Amino acid sequence: MTELRINGYERVQEILRSLYPYLKFKREQTRHLFRALALLNRKKVRDLTSREKLQIVNALVSARKETYQSGKKTSKKLKSDLKAIMEL
């Protein structure tokens, strides 16, 4: 197992697209991330509409649900926290 830090939404999307054909266990999670990245790559976060921000929040919550162990936060708490971060 290794950890890697990738900066920038475009770069993250590029790497995920390269890896996607080889993914077996995280394909659905990656699809949710692609939905969020598509919005984030279009414009700056501060320029997103409330609807777009909510779509990102929902995509991230859905991606989190796909993990094997999603941590101590419930989906409801996670969604609440993400909405606060996105100023919704």
Protein backbone atom coordinates (compact mmCIF):
# COMPACT_ATOMS: atom_id res chain seq x y z
CA MET A 1 0.00 0.00 0.00
CA THR A 2 1.31 3.42 -0.82
CA GLU A 3 0.05 6.94 -0.38
CA LEU A 4 0.32 9.62 -3.02
CA ARG A 5 -0.55 13.31 -2.96
CA ILE A 6 -1.89 14.74 -6.20
CA ASN A 7 -2.53 18.46 -6.59
CA GLY A 8 -5.26 19.87 -8.83
CA TYR A 9 -8.62 18.56 -9.94
CA GLU A 10 -7.53 18.14 -13.55
CA ARG A 11 -4.50 16.10 -12.56
CA VAL A 12 -6.59 13.89 -10.27
CA GLN A 13 -9.09 13.30 -13.05
CA GLU A 14 -6.31 12.51 -15.54
CA ILE A 15 -4.74 9.93 -13.23
CA LEU A 16 -8.08 8.33 -12.36
CA ARG A 17 -8.95 8.06 -16.07
CA SER A 18 -5.62 6.31 -16.68
CA LEU A 19 -6.22 3.87 -13.83
CA TYR A 20 -9.94 3.31 -14.42
CA PRO A 21 -9.65 0.38 -16.88
CA TYR A 22 -7.59 -1.52 -14.32
CA LEU A 23 -9.78 -0.92 -11.28
CA LYS A 24 -11.71 -3.86 -9.90
CA PHE A 25 -12.96 -2.82 -6.50
CA LYS A 26 -13.21 0.96 -6.69
CA ARG A 27 -14.89 1.48 -10.07
CA GLU A 28 -18.21 2.72 -8.67
CA GLN A 29 -16.44 5.01 -6.21
CA THR A 30 -14.38 6.42 -9.06
CA ARG A 31 -17.52 7.10 -11.13
CA HIS A 32 -18.87 9.25 -8.29
CA LEU A 33 -15.57 11.13 -8.14
CA PHE A 34 -15.73 11.75 -11.90
CA ARG A 35 -19.12 13.43 -11.39
CA ALA A 36 -17.66 15.76 -8.77
CA LEU A 37 -14.50 16.43 -10.76
CA ALA A 38 -16.48 17.31 -13.89
CA LEU A 39 -18.10 20.17 -11.98
CA LEU A 40 -14.92 21.23 -10.21
CA ASN A 41 -12.94 21.37 -13.45
CA ARG A 42 -15.47 23.71 -15.10
CA LYS A 43 -15.14 26.66 -12.75
CA LYS A 44 -13.79 27.75 -9.40
CA VAL A 45 -15.64 26.58 -6.28
CA ARG A 46 -16.70 30.13 -5.41
CA ASP A 47 -18.37 30.42 -8.85
CA LEU A 48 -20.42 27.23 -8.54
CA THR A 49 -24.17 27.52 -8.10
CA SER A 50 -25.84 26.05 -5.02
CA ARG A 51 -27.20 23.25 -7.19
CA GLU A 52 -23.73 22.38 -8.50
CA LYS A 53 -22.29 22.44 -4.99
CA LEU A 54 -25.04 20.10 -3.82
CA GLN A 55 -24.28 17.75 -6.72
CA ILE A 56 -20.64 17.65 -5.61
CA VAL A 57 -21.67 16.97 -2.01
CA ASN A 58 -23.96 14.14 -3.12
CA ALA A 59 -21.25 12.63 -5.34
CA LEU A 60 -18.74 12.68 -2.47
CA VAL A 61 -21.22 11.13 -0.03
CA SER A 62 -22.01 8.41 -2.58
CA ALA A 63 -18.29 7.76 -3.12
CA ARG A 64 -17.79 7.52 0.63
CA LYS A 65 -20.58 4.93 0.89
CA GLU A 66 -18.65 2.74 -1.56
CA THR A 67 -15.65 2.38 0.75
CA TYR A 68 -15.30 -0.79 2.74
CA GLN A 69 -14.91 1.02 6.03
CA SER A 70 -16.29 4.50 5.78
CA GLY A 71 -15.13 5.68 9.18
CA LYS A 72 -17.05 6.87 12.19
CA LYS A 73 -19.05 9.60 10.46
CA THR A 74 -22.50 8.65 9.29
CA SER A 75 -23.55 9.64 5.79
CA LYS A 76 -25.91 12.21 7.29
CA LYS A 77 -23.10 13.80 9.36
CA LEU A 78 -20.70 13.71 6.41
CA LYS A 79 -23.27 15.38 4.15
CA SER A 80 -23.90 18.03 6.80
CA ASP A 81 -20.17 18.72 7.15
CA LEU A 82 -19.67 18.91 3.38
CA LYS A 83 -22.58 21.31 3.01
CA ALA A 84 -21.01 23.55 5.63
CA ILE A 85 -17.68 23.48 3.79
CA MET A 86 -19.43 24.32 0.51
CA GLU A 87 -21.36 27.09 2.27
CA LEU A 88 -24.79 25.63 1.53
